[in-house]
Amino acid sequence: MAAPLPLILDCDPGVDDFVAILMILAAPERFNLLGITVSGGNVALRYTAENALKACELARRQDVKVYAGCPGPLLRALAVEDGVHGETGLKGITLPSPNLKLQPVHAVDFLIETLMTFPQKVTVATTAPLTNLALAIVREPRILDNIEEIVTMGGSMQLGNITPAAEYNFYADPEAAHILYTCGKKITTIGIDVTHQAVVSLEWLAHLERLENPVAKTVFPMLHAFRDYDMKYFELGGGALHDPCVIAYLLDRSLFKGRDVHVEIDTSFSLTRGRTVVDWWHKRGLQPNAHVCNEVNVERFFDRLLDLLNFYGGKAP
């Protein structure tokens, strides 16, 4: 068996980021989680940081280090959508304040230090606005030499979910997204074209409800409450699990289909700000800078997620 993958997760929990953290911690044989960095995004930084700590405590992984980073994007105030994840980010449930504490180092400093010194190349998974990683690249471009891969949840080939043109993570900080997509590192991109396929059904929730462990019992009401927004505004059959798709991809790439293409981020201050221009048919003749996924095997994705949440039987408080 291969050694666990050195991994950093940059996130903004949020219900689906919370689940993504639990997925990583349920696969210790696959991931060597070097740290979790958080930014403002789904909710304000004080909530995203606290929610990451809560996820680690729920999984009984007090050894995981969490680093707070940028409270907002590079050029403007943070756009928060409370209706999606609730005021605190964990819609549908109230968890006690965590005993686990944040690390005293800023997330950007942690990224630079770790990526400059870790003896193996590191995979970076991003499920938030890209501000933390973009600032780390600007401050110390040499970190790119020690990044094995960047896998990000963001963008859309078609319609947006925060504006008619843009997906939330890239709209929240398009300048940061531009920095990543012009840094010379190929980025695996899982946008809402894919994640709107990974919809939580009532049938799958019934399977989750039958799992006899406290982690599953915590996740169930969150995902049940999470359904309402996507059903109302996007005519989906339930809540879309955006960020868990990144972790599922790292666990099993065969779940996804896609192709290598060129992606450009619209950084204008027009109606299309934050849009991902995906050259799916190679019309511009530019070298690919991303592997863009466009399809996920939904049944296998949810089977894998259920298996991971079942890992916590007898292990969580």
C-alpha atoms as a PDB file:
ATOM      1  CA  MET A   1       0.000   0.000   0.000  1.00  0.00           C
ATOM      2  CA  ALA A   2       1.258   3.485  -0.902  1.00  0.00           C
ATOM      3  CA  ALA A   3       2.250   5.858   1.878  1.00  0.00           C
ATOM      4  CA  PRO A   4      -0.427   8.346   2.962  1.00  0.00           C
ATOM      5  CA  LEU A   5      -0.657  11.400   0.728  1.00  0.00           C
ATOM      6  CA  PRO A   6       0.778  14.566   2.335  1.00  0.00           C
ATOM      7  CA  LEU A   7      -2.181  16.935   2.251  1.00  0.00           C
ATOM      8  CA  ILE A   8      -3.157  20.459   3.260  1.00  0.00           C
ATOM      9  CA  LEU A   9      -6.847  21.408   3.217  1.00  0.00           C
ATOM     10  CA  ASP A  10      -7.734  25.078   2.713  1.00  0.00           C
ATOM     11  CA  CYS A  11     -11.420  25.511   3.531  1.00  0.00           C
ATOM     12  CA  ASP A  12     -14.217  27.709   4.887  1.00  0.00           C
ATOM     13  CA  PRO A  13     -16.596  25.441   6.867  1.00  0.00           C
ATOM     14  CA  GLY A  14     -19.650  25.519   6.003  1.00  0.00           C
ATOM     15  CA  VAL A  15     -21.634  22.301   6.089  1.00  0.00           C
ATOM     16  CA  ASP A  16     -19.991  20.691   3.074  1.00  0.00           C
ATOM     17  CA  ASP A  17     -16.450  21.646   4.169  1.00  0.00           C
ATOM     18  CA  PHE A  18     -17.278  20.140   7.583  1.00  0.00           C
ATOM     19  CA  VAL A  19     -18.142  16.870   5.842  1.00  0.00           C
ATOM     20  CA  ALA A  20     -14.974  17.099   3.727  1.00  0.00           C
ATOM     21  CA  ILE A  21     -12.848  17.320   6.891  1.00  0.00           C
ATOM     22  CA  LEU A  22     -14.577  14.259   8.329  1.00  0.00           C
ATOM     23  CA  MET A  23     -13.902  12.385   5.072  1.00  0.00           C
ATOM     24  CA  ILE A  24     -10.166  13.101   5.304  1.00  0.00           C
ATOM     25  CA  LEU A  25      -9.990  12.089   8.961  1.00  0.00           C
ATOM     26  CA  ALA A  26     -11.851   8.841   8.197  1.00  0.00           C
ATOM     27  CA  ALA A  27      -9.058   7.776   5.831  1.00  0.00           C
ATOM     28  CA  PRO A  28      -5.806   8.045   7.846  1.00  0.00           C
ATOM     29  CA  GLU A  29      -4.240   5.328   5.719  1.00  0.00           C
ATOM     30  CA  ARG A  30      -4.737   7.519   2.630  1.00  0.00           C
ATOM     31  CA  PHE A  31      -4.018  11.031   3.936  1.00  0.00           C
ATOM     32  CA  ASN A  32      -1.256  12.523   6.023  1.00  0.00           C
ATOM     33  CA  LEU A  33      -3.092  15.718   6.934  1.00  0.00           C
ATOM     34  CA  LEU A  34      -0.375  18.287   7.615  1.00  0.00           C
ATOM     35  CA  GLY A  35      -2.835  20.982   8.611  1.00  0.00           C
ATOM     36  CA  ILE A  36      -6.117  22.720   7.902  1.00  0.00           C
ATOM     37  CA  THR A  37      -6.103  26.363   6.850  1.00  0.00           C
ATOM     38  CA  VAL A  38      -9.278  28.417   6.917  1.00  0.00           C
ATOM     39  CA  SER A  39     -10.459  31.717   5.499  1.00  0.00           C
ATOM     40  CA  GLY A  40     -13.612  33.747   5.549  1.00  0.00           C
ATOM     41  CA  GLY A  41     -16.050  32.475   2.965  1.00  0.00           C
ATOM     42  CA  ASN A  42     -19.280  30.609   3.570  1.00  0.00           C
ATOM     43  CA  VAL A  43     -19.420  32.520   6.853  1.00  0.00           C
ATOM     44  CA  ALA A  44     -17.105  34.910   8.683  1.00  0.00           C
ATOM     45  CA  LEU A  45     -13.607  33.728   9.650  1.00  0.00           C
ATOM     46  CA  ARG A  46     -14.422  33.378  13.349  1.00  0.00           C
ATOM     47  CA  TYR A  47     -17.071  30.822  12.455  1.00  0.00           C
ATOM     48  CA  THR A  48     -15.116  28.956   9.776  1.00  0.00           C
ATOM     49  CA  ALA A  49     -12.162  28.563  12.140  1.00  0.00           C
ATOM     50  CA  GLU A  50     -14.363  27.369  14.979  1.00  0.00           C
ATOM     51  CA  ASN A  51     -16.203  24.937  12.710  1.00  0.00           C
ATOM     52  CA  ALA A  52     -12.952  23.349  11.537  1.00  0.00           C
ATOM     53  CA  LEU A  53     -11.972  22.812  15.179  1.00  0.00           C
ATOM     54  CA  LYS A  54     -15.386  21.312  15.893  1.00  0.00           C
ATOM     55  CA  ALA A  55     -15.005  18.837  13.036  1.00  0.00           C
ATOM     56  CA  CYS A  56     -11.628  17.690  14.362  1.00  0.00           C
ATOM     57  CA  GLU A  57     -13.006  17.285  17.874  1.00  0.00           C
ATOM     58  CA  LEU A  58     -16.036  15.373  16.618  1.00  0.00           C
ATOM     59  CA  ALA A  59     -13.659  12.953  14.895  1.00  0.00           C
ATOM     60  CA  ARG A  60     -11.517  12.732  18.058  1.00  0.00           C
ATOM     61  CA  ARG A  61      -8.523  14.098  16.199  1.00  0.00           C
ATOM     62  CA  GLN A  62      -7.156  16.673  18.611  1.00  0.00           C
ATOM     63  CA  ASP A  63      -3.770  16.194  16.944  1.00  0.00           C
ATOM     64  CA  VAL A  64      -4.898  18.045  13.796  1.00  0.00           C
ATOM     65  CA  LYS A  65      -3.614  21.608  13.563  1.00  0.00           C
ATOM     66  CA  VAL A  66      -5.941  24.359  12.338  1.00  0.00           C
ATOM     67  CA  TYR A  67      -4.651  27.738  11.143  1.00  0.00           C
ATOM     68  CA  ALA A  68      -6.808  30.843  10.686  1.00  0.00           C
ATOM     69  CA  GLY A  69      -6.011  32.888   7.606  1.00  0.00           C
ATOM     70  CA  CYS A  70      -7.499  35.734   5.597  1.00  0.00           C
ATOM     71  CA  PRO A  71     -10.861  37.094   6.763  1.00  0.00           C
ATOM     72  CA  GLY A  72     -11.754  38.305   3.287  1.00  0.00           C
ATOM     73  CA  PRO A  73     -10.598  38.565  -0.328  1.00  0.00           C
ATOM     74  CA  LEU A  74      -7.761  40.616  -1.768  1.00  0.00           C
ATOM     75  CA  LEU A  75      -9.635  43.637  -3.107  1.00  0.00           C
ATOM     76  CA  ARG A  76     -13.052  43.947  -1.527  1.00  0.00           C
ATOM     77  CA  ALA A  77     -15.305  42.967   1.363  1.00  0.00           C
ATOM     78  CA  LEU A  78     -16.322  39.353   1.818  1.00  0.00           C
ATOM     79  CA  ALA A  79     -19.673  38.354   0.306  1.00  0.00           C
ATOM     80  CA  VAL A  80     -21.387  35.972   2.737  1.00  0.00           C
ATOM     81  CA  GLU A  81     -24.490  33.947   1.872  1.00  0.00           C
ATOM     82  CA  ASP A  82     -25.982  33.091   5.281  1.00  0.00           C
ATOM     83  CA  GLY A  83     -29.015  31.432   3.718  1.00  0.00           C
ATOM     84  CA  VAL A  84     -26.954  28.498   2.438  1.00  0.00           C
ATOM     85  CA  HIS A  85     -25.127  27.405   5.595  1.00  0.00           C
ATOM     86  CA  GLY A  86     -26.881  29.374   8.331  1.00  0.00           C
ATOM     87  CA  GLU A  87     -25.423  32.180  10.422  1.00  0.00           C
ATOM     88  CA  THR A  88     -22.705  30.044  12.047  1.00  0.00           C
ATOM     89  CA  GLY A  89     -22.041  27.806   9.039  1.00  0.00           C
ATOM     90  CA  LEU A  90     -23.438  24.616  10.566  1.00  0.00           C
ATOM     91  CA  LYS A  91     -27.075  24.826   9.593  1.00  0.00           C
ATOM     92  CA  GLY A  92     -29.379  22.385  11.330  1.00  0.00           C
ATOM     93  CA  ILE A  93     -27.368  21.696  14.477  1.00  0.00           C
ATOM     94  CA  THR A  94     -25.668  23.423  17.411  1.00  0.00           C
ATOM     95  CA  LEU A  95     -22.364  21.963  18.594  1.00  0.00           C
ATOM     96  CA  PRO A  96     -20.574  22.945  21.807  1.00  0.00           C
ATOM     97  CA  SER A  97     -17.631  25.322  21.633  1.00  0.00           C
ATOM     98  CA  PRO A  98     -14.452  23.376  20.896  1.00  0.00           C
ATOM     99  CA  ASN A  99     -11.717  22.792  23.433  1.00  0.00           C
ATOM    100  CA  LEU A 100      -9.190  22.494  20.618  1.00  0.00           C
ATOM    101  CA  LYS A 101      -7.438  25.793  19.941  1.00  0.00           C
ATOM    102  CA  LEU A 102      -6.236  27.475  16.773  1.00  0.00           C
ATOM    103  CA  GLN A 103      -2.512  27.492  16.095  1.00  0.00           C
ATOM    104  CA  PRO A 104      -0.843  30.865  16.768  1.00  0.00           C
ATOM    105  CA  VAL A 105       0.557  31.004  13.202  1.00  0.00           C
ATOM    106  CA  HIS A 106      -1.281  32.691  10.324  1.00  0.00           C
ATOM    107  CA  ALA A 107      -2.471  30.272   7.636  1.00  0.00           C
ATOM    108  CA  VAL A 108      -0.386  31.950   4.912  1.00  0.00           C
ATOM    109  CA  ASP A 109       2.769  31.638   7.028  1.00  0.00           C
ATOM    110  CA  PHE A 110       1.971  27.978   7.703  1.00  0.00           C
ATOM    111  CA  LEU A 111       1.500  27.309   3.978  1.00  0.00           C
ATOM    112  CA  ILE A 112       4.831  28.908   3.086  1.00  0.00           C
ATOM    113  CA  GLU A 113       6.775  27.237   5.895  1.00  0.00           C
ATOM    114  CA  THR A 114       5.331  23.796   5.272  1.00  0.00           C
ATOM    115  CA  LEU A 115       5.621  23.896   1.496  1.00  0.00           C
ATOM    116  CA  MET A 116       9.207  25.146   1.706  1.00  0.00           C
ATOM    117  CA  THR A 117      10.411  22.568   4.216  1.00  0.00           C
ATOM    118  CA  PHE A 118       8.323  19.381   4.018  1.00  0.00           C
ATOM    119  CA  PRO A 119      10.527  16.565   2.657  1.00  0.00           C
ATOM    120  CA  GLN A 120       7.904  15.319   0.172  1.00  0.00           C
ATOM    121  CA  LYS A 121       5.768  17.090  -2.388  1.00  0.00           C
ATOM    122  CA  VAL A 122       2.420  18.131  -0.911  1.00  0.00           C
ATOM    123  CA  THR A 123      -1.079  18.066  -2.398  1.00  0.00           C
ATOM    124  CA  VAL A 124      -3.202  21.132  -1.626  1.00  0.00           C
ATOM    125  CA  ALA A 125      -6.985  20.733  -1.637  1.00  0.00           C
ATOM    126  CA  THR A 126      -8.965  23.968  -1.682  1.00  0.00           C
ATOM    127  CA  THR A 127     -12.680  24.261  -0.957  1.00  0.00           C
ATOM    128  CA  ALA A 128     -12.868  28.003  -0.210  1.00  0.00           C
ATOM    129  CA  PRO A 129     -12.067  31.333  -1.818  1.00  0.00           C
ATOM    130  CA  LEU A 130      -8.430  31.019  -2.894  1.00  0.00           C
ATOM    131  CA  THR A 131      -7.050  33.965  -0.933  1.00  0.00           C
ATOM    132  CA  ASN A 132      -4.779  32.073   1.482  1.00  0.00           C
ATOM    133  CA  LEU A 133      -2.985  30.041  -1.185  1.00  0.00           C
ATOM    134  CA  ALA A 134      -2.752  32.949  -3.636  1.00  0.00           C
ATOM    135  CA  LEU A 135      -1.093  35.170  -1.034  1.00  0.00           C
ATOM    136  CA  ALA A 136       1.332  32.376  -0.161  1.00  0.00           C
ATOM    137  CA  ILE A 137       2.288  32.053  -3.847  1.00  0.00           C
ATOM    138  CA  VAL A 138       2.778  35.823  -4.216  1.00  0.00           C
ATOM    139  CA  ARG A 139       4.904  36.039  -1.091  1.00  0.00           C
ATOM    140  CA  GLU A 140       7.011  32.963  -1.882  1.00  0.00           C
ATOM    141  CA  PRO A 141       6.663  31.583  -5.437  1.00  0.00           C
ATOM    142  CA  ARG A 142       9.158  28.813  -4.669  1.00  0.00           C
ATOM    143  CA  ILE A 143       6.460  26.922  -2.792  1.00  0.00           C
ATOM    144  CA  LEU A 144       5.121  25.830  -6.190  1.00  0.00           C
ATOM    145  CA  ASP A 145       8.149  23.555  -6.581  1.00  0.00           C
ATOM    146  CA  ASN A 146       7.004  21.458  -3.617  1.00  0.00           C
ATOM    147  CA  ILE A 147       3.311  21.245  -4.557  1.00  0.00           C
ATOM    148  CA  GLU A 148       2.436  17.911  -6.117  1.00  0.00           C
ATOM    149  CA  GLU A 149      -1.050  18.951  -7.150  1.00  0.00           C
ATOM    150  CA  ILE A 150      -3.737  21.538  -6.473  1.00  0.00           C
ATOM    151  CA  VAL A 151      -7.313  20.226  -6.457  1.00  0.00           C
ATOM    152  CA  THR A 152      -9.916  22.942  -6.095  1.00  0.00           C
ATOM    153  CA  MET A 153     -13.679  23.200  -5.794  1.00  0.00           C
ATOM    154  CA  GLY A 154     -14.655  26.218  -7.794  1.00  0.00           C
ATOM    155  CA  GLY A 155     -15.898  27.606 -11.046  1.00  0.00           C
ATOM    156  CA  SER A 156     -18.579  26.732 -13.532  1.00  0.00           C
ATOM    157  CA  MET A 157     -18.597  26.017 -17.245  1.00  0.00           C
ATOM    158  CA  GLN A 158     -22.203  27.130 -17.508  1.00  0.00           C
ATOM    159  CA  LEU A 159     -24.382  28.958 -14.981  1.00  0.00           C
ATOM    160  CA  GLY A 160     -23.212  30.525 -11.733  1.00  0.00           C
ATOM    161  CA  ASN A 161     -24.628  29.991  -8.262  1.00  0.00           C
ATOM    162  CA  ILE A 162     -23.839  33.395  -6.742  1.00  0.00           C
ATOM    163  CA  THR A 163     -24.327  35.507  -9.897  1.00  0.00           C
ATOM    164  CA  PRO A 164     -25.684  34.431 -13.280  1.00  0.00           C
ATOM    165  CA  ALA A 165     -22.081  33.998 -14.442  1.00  0.00           C
ATOM    166  CA  ALA A 166     -19.980  32.956 -11.456  1.00  0.00           C
ATOM    167  CA  GLU A 167     -19.572  30.227  -8.855  1.00  0.00           C
ATOM    168  CA  TYR A 168     -19.212  31.467  -5.262  1.00  0.00           C
ATOM    169  CA  ASN A 169     -15.570  30.572  -4.416  1.00  0.00           C
ATOM    170  CA  PHE A 170     -14.160  32.231  -7.525  1.00  0.00           C
ATOM    171  CA  TYR A 171     -16.562  35.171  -7.359  1.00  0.00           C
ATOM    172  CA  ALA A 172     -15.572  35.800  -3.728  1.00  0.00           C
ATOM    173  CA  ASP A 173     -11.959  36.409  -4.760  1.00  0.00           C
ATOM    174  CA  PRO A 174     -11.410  36.302  -8.534  1.00  0.00           C
ATOM    175  CA  GLU A 175      -7.990  37.950  -8.255  1.00  0.00           C
ATOM    176  CA  ALA A 176      -6.828  35.081  -6.049  1.00  0.00           C
ATOM    177  CA  ALA A 177      -8.238  32.563  -8.524  1.00  0.00           C
ATOM    178  CA  HIS A 178      -6.424  34.390 -11.346  1.00  0.00           C
ATOM    179  CA  ILE A 179      -3.137  34.082  -9.438  1.00  0.00           C
ATOM    180  CA  LEU A 180      -3.598  30.319  -9.130  1.00  0.00           C
ATOM    181  CA  TYR A 181      -4.595  29.749 -12.741  1.00  0.00           C
ATOM    182  CA  THR A 182      -1.603  31.733 -14.004  1.00  0.00           C
ATOM    183  CA  CYS A 183       0.979  30.292 -11.572  1.00  0.00           C
ATOM    184  CA  GLY A 184       2.151  27.592 -13.983  1.00  0.00           C
ATOM    185  CA  LYS A 185       0.816  24.684 -11.925  1.00  0.00           C
ATOM    186  CA  LYS A 186      -1.927  22.588 -13.499  1.00  0.00           C
ATOM    187  CA  ILE A 187      -5.009  22.697 -11.299  1.00  0.00           C
ATOM    188  CA  THR A 188      -7.643  19.997 -11.078  1.00  0.00           C
ATOM    189  CA  THR A 189     -10.930  21.885 -11.067  1.00  0.00           C
ATOM    190  CA  ILE A 190     -14.224  20.521  -9.769  1.00  0.00           C
ATOM    191  CA  GLY A 191     -16.913  23.091 -10.443  1.00  0.00           C
ATOM    192  CA  ILE A 192     -20.629  23.226  -9.872  1.00  0.00           C
ATOM    193  CA  ASP A 193     -21.259  21.486 -13.192  1.00  0.00           C
ATOM    194  CA  VAL A 194     -20.072  18.395 -11.277  1.00  0.00           C
ATOM    195  CA  THR A 195     -21.114  19.167  -7.726  1.00  0.00           C
ATOM    196  CA  HIS A 196     -24.721  19.881  -8.704  1.00  0.00           C
ATOM    197  CA  GLN A 197     -24.796  16.216  -9.732  1.00  0.00           C
ATOM    198  CA  ALA A 198     -23.768  15.098  -6.208  1.00  0.00           C
ATOM    199  CA  VAL A 199     -27.136  15.817  -4.615  1.00  0.00           C
ATOM    200  CA  VAL A 200     -28.176  14.363  -1.251  1.00  0.00           C
ATOM    201  CA  SER A 201     -31.351  12.336  -1.745  1.00  0.00           C
ATOM    202  CA  LEU A 202     -33.851  11.401   0.941  1.00  0.00           C
ATOM    203  CA  GLU A 203     -33.093   7.746   0.214  1.00  0.00           C
ATOM    204  CA  TRP A 204     -29.386   8.243   0.932  1.00  0.00           C
ATOM    205  CA  LEU A 205     -30.181  10.270   4.053  1.00  0.00           C
ATOM    206  CA  ALA A 206     -32.223   7.321   5.305  1.00  0.00           C
ATOM    207  CA  HIS A 207     -29.107   5.126   4.976  1.00  0.00           C
ATOM    208  CA  LEU A 208     -27.068   7.742   6.837  1.00  0.00           C
ATOM    209  CA  GLU A 209     -29.635   7.950   9.625  1.00  0.00           C
ATOM    210  CA  ARG A 210     -29.254   4.223  10.259  1.00  0.00           C
ATOM    211  CA  LEU A 211     -25.534   4.479  10.977  1.00  0.00           C
ATOM    212  CA  GLU A 212     -24.988   4.003  14.695  1.00  0.00           C
ATOM    213  CA  ASN A 213     -22.238   6.471  15.442  1.00  0.00           C
ATOM    214  CA  PRO A 214     -22.232  10.032  16.796  1.00  0.00           C
ATOM    215  CA  VAL A 215     -20.506  11.504  13.743  1.00  0.00           C
ATOM    216  CA  ALA A 216     -23.231  10.245  11.415  1.00  0.00           C
ATOM    217  CA  LYS A 217     -25.854  11.408  13.911  1.00  0.00           C
ATOM    218  CA  THR A 218     -24.307  14.882  13.792  1.00  0.00           C
ATOM    219  CA  VAL A 219     -24.002  15.037  10.014  1.00  0.00           C
ATOM    220  CA  PHE A 220     -27.560  13.816   9.368  1.00  0.00           C
ATOM    221  CA  PRO A 221     -29.461  16.931  10.586  1.00  0.00           C
ATOM    222  CA  MET A 222     -26.909  19.206   8.911  1.00  0.00           C
ATOM    223  CA  LEU A 223     -27.359  17.591   5.510  1.00  0.00           C
ATOM    224  CA  HIS A 224     -31.117  17.432   5.960  1.00  0.00           C
ATOM    225  CA  ALA A 225     -31.279  21.191   6.646  1.00  0.00           C
ATOM    226  CA  PHE A 226     -28.770  21.840   3.869  1.00  0.00           C
ATOM    227  CA  ARG A 227     -31.213  20.498   1.267  1.00  0.00           C
ATOM    228  CA  ASP A 228     -33.662  23.382   1.368  1.00  0.00           C
ATOM    229  CA  TYR A 229     -31.590  26.117  -0.278  1.00  0.00           C
ATOM    230  CA  ASP A 230     -30.534  24.145  -3.365  1.00  0.00           C
ATOM    231  CA  MET A 231     -34.007  22.758  -3.844  1.00  0.00           C
ATOM    232  CA  LYS A 232     -35.523  26.245  -3.715  1.00  0.00           C
ATOM    233  CA  TYR A 233     -33.035  28.205  -5.798  1.00  0.00           C
ATOM    234  CA  PHE A 234     -31.513  25.657  -8.188  1.00  0.00           C
ATOM    235  CA  GLU A 235     -34.366  23.172  -8.626  1.00  0.00           C
ATOM    236  CA  LEU A 236     -32.161  20.318  -7.431  1.00  0.00           C
ATOM    237  CA  GLY A 237     -33.461  17.217  -5.712  1.00  0.00           C
ATOM    238  CA  GLY A 238     -31.535  18.034  -2.527  1.00  0.00           C
ATOM    239  CA  GLY A 239     -28.383  19.711  -1.217  1.00  0.00           C
ATOM    240  CA  ALA A 240     -25.311  19.593  -3.466  1.00  0.00           C
ATOM    241  CA  LEU A 241     -22.171  18.298  -1.730  1.00  0.00           C
ATOM    242  CA  HIS A 242     -19.655  20.594  -3.377  1.00  0.00           C
ATOM    243  CA  ASP A 243     -16.544  20.276  -1.223  1.00  0.00           C
ATOM    244  CA  PRO A 244     -16.689  16.523  -0.490  1.00  0.00           C
ATOM    245  CA  CYS A 245     -16.200  16.012  -4.242  1.00  0.00           C
ATOM    246  CA  VAL A 246     -12.597  17.224  -3.864  1.00  0.00           C
ATOM    247  CA  ILE A 247     -11.833  14.602  -1.231  1.00  0.00           C
ATOM    248  CA  ALA A 248     -13.661  11.906  -3.196  1.00  0.00           C
ATOM    249  CA  TYR A 249     -11.503  12.786  -6.218  1.00  0.00           C
ATOM    250  CA  LEU A 250      -8.318  12.368  -4.186  1.00  0.00           C
ATOM    251  CA  LEU A 251      -9.556   9.022  -2.889  1.00  0.00           C
ATOM    252  CA  ASP A 252     -10.732   7.657  -6.239  1.00  0.00           C
ATOM    253  CA  ARG A 253     -10.160   9.598  -9.455  1.00  0.00           C
ATOM    254  CA  SER A 254     -12.116   7.003 -11.425  1.00  0.00           C
ATOM    255  CA  LEU A 255     -15.300   8.521  -9.954  1.00  0.00           C
ATOM    256  CA  PHE A 256     -14.837  11.577 -12.180  1.00  0.00           C
ATOM    257  CA  LYS A 257     -14.532  12.373 -15.869  1.00  0.00           C
ATOM    258  CA  GLY A 258     -12.956  15.486 -17.378  1.00  0.00           C
ATOM    259  CA  ARG A 259     -10.293  16.825 -19.722  1.00  0.00           C
ATOM    260  CA  ASP A 260      -7.244  19.079 -19.827  1.00  0.00           C
ATOM    261  CA  VAL A 261      -8.240  22.584 -20.965  1.00  0.00           C
ATOM    262  CA  HIS A 262      -7.319  26.230 -20.608  1.00  0.00           C
ATOM    263  CA  VAL A 263      -9.191  28.193 -17.924  1.00  0.00           C
ATOM    264  CA  GLU A 264      -9.221  31.962 -17.508  1.00  0.00           C
ATOM    265  CA  ILE A 265     -10.777  33.925 -14.644  1.00  0.00           C
ATOM    266  CA  ASP A 266     -12.766  37.090 -15.340  1.00  0.00           C
ATOM    267  CA  THR A 267     -11.421  39.749 -12.975  1.00  0.00           C
ATOM    268  CA  SER A 268     -13.395  42.603 -14.469  1.00  0.00           C
ATOM    269  CA  PHE A 269     -15.836  44.579 -12.345  1.00  0.00           C
ATOM    270  CA  SER A 270     -18.699  43.784 -14.698  1.00  0.00           C
ATOM    271  CA  LEU A 271     -21.639  41.399 -14.479  1.00  0.00           C
ATOM    272  CA  THR A 272     -19.345  38.481 -15.393  1.00  0.00           C
ATOM    273  CA  ARG A 273     -16.805  39.068 -12.586  1.00  0.00           C
ATOM    274  CA  GLY A 274     -15.520  35.743 -11.264  1.00  0.00           C
ATOM    275  CA  ARG A 275     -16.645  33.705 -14.269  1.00  0.00           C
ATOM    276  CA  THR A 276     -14.436  30.791 -15.323  1.00  0.00           C
ATOM    277  CA  VAL A 277     -13.912  30.857 -19.071  1.00  0.00           C
ATOM    278  CA  VAL A 278     -13.327  27.172 -19.840  1.00  0.00           C
ATOM    279  CA  ASP A 279     -12.016  26.477 -23.341  1.00  0.00           C
ATOM    280  CA  TRP A 280     -13.587  23.012 -23.491  1.00  0.00           C
ATOM    281  CA  TRP A 281     -13.206  22.704 -27.278  1.00  0.00           C
ATOM    282  CA  HIS A 282      -9.661  24.219 -27.418  1.00  0.00           C
ATOM    283  CA  LYS A 283     -10.844  27.097 -29.589  1.00  0.00           C
ATOM    284  CA  ARG A 284      -8.177  29.563 -28.386  1.00  0.00           C
ATOM    285  CA  GLY A 285      -5.177  27.325 -29.053  1.00  0.00           C
ATOM    286  CA  LEU A 286      -3.747  27.941 -25.572  1.00  0.00           C
ATOM    287  CA  GLN A 287      -1.902  25.356 -23.510  1.00  0.00           C
ATOM    288  CA  PRO A 288      -4.084  23.653 -20.873  1.00  0.00           C
ATOM    289  CA  ASN A 289      -3.601  24.986 -17.352  1.00  0.00           C
ATOM    290  CA  ALA A 290      -6.275  22.864 -15.681  1.00  0.00           C
ATOM    291  CA  HIS A 291      -7.878  19.467 -15.643  1.00  0.00           C
ATOM    292  CA  VAL A 292     -11.586  20.299 -15.504  1.00  0.00           C
ATOM    293  CA  CYS A 293     -14.036  17.648 -14.334  1.00  0.00           C
ATOM    294  CA  ASN A 294     -17.516  17.598 -15.819  1.00  0.00           C
ATOM    295  CA  GLU A 295     -19.063  14.364 -14.531  1.00  0.00           C
ATOM    296  CA  VAL A 296     -19.169  12.281 -11.340  1.00  0.00           C
ATOM    297  CA  ASN A 297     -20.443   8.765 -10.759  1.00  0.00           C
ATOM    298  CA  VAL A 298     -23.111   9.772  -8.256  1.00  0.00           C
ATOM    299  CA  GLU A 299     -23.969   6.311  -6.935  1.00  0.00           C
ATOM    300  CA  ARG A 300     -20.349   5.388  -6.256  1.00  0.00           C
ATOM    301  CA  PHE A 301     -19.670   8.819  -4.747  1.00  0.00           C
ATOM    302  CA  PHE A 302     -22.426   8.417  -2.164  1.00  0.00           C
ATOM    303  CA  ASP A 303     -21.442   4.807  -1.463  1.00  0.00           C
ATOM    304  CA  ARG A 304     -17.924   5.984  -0.681  1.00  0.00           C
ATOM    305  CA  LEU A 305     -19.187   8.818   1.509  1.00  0.00           C
ATOM    306  CA  LEU A 306     -21.390   6.456   3.502  1.00  0.00           C
ATOM    307  CA  ASP A 307     -18.444   4.093   4.027  1.00  0.00           C
ATOM    308  CA  LEU A 308     -16.306   6.946   5.317  1.00  0.00           C
ATOM    309  CA  LEU A 309     -18.940   8.157   7.765  1.00  0.00           C
ATOM    310  CA  ASN A 310     -19.408   4.577   8.928  1.00  0.00           C
ATOM    311  CA  PHE A 311     -15.694   4.555   9.858  1.00  0.00           C
ATOM    312  CA  TYR A 312     -16.572   6.457  13.021  1.00  0.00           C
ATOM    313  CA  GLY A 313     -18.604   3.670  14.608  1.00  0.00           C
ATOM    314  CA  GLY A 314     -17.420   3.551  18.193  1.00  0.00           C
ATOM    315  CA  LYS A 315     -14.680   6.152  17.564  1.00  0.00           C
ATOM    316  CA  ALA A 316     -16.399   9.488  17.991  1.00  0.00           C
ATOM    317  CA  PRO A 317     -17.476  10.998  21.350  1.00  0.00           C
END
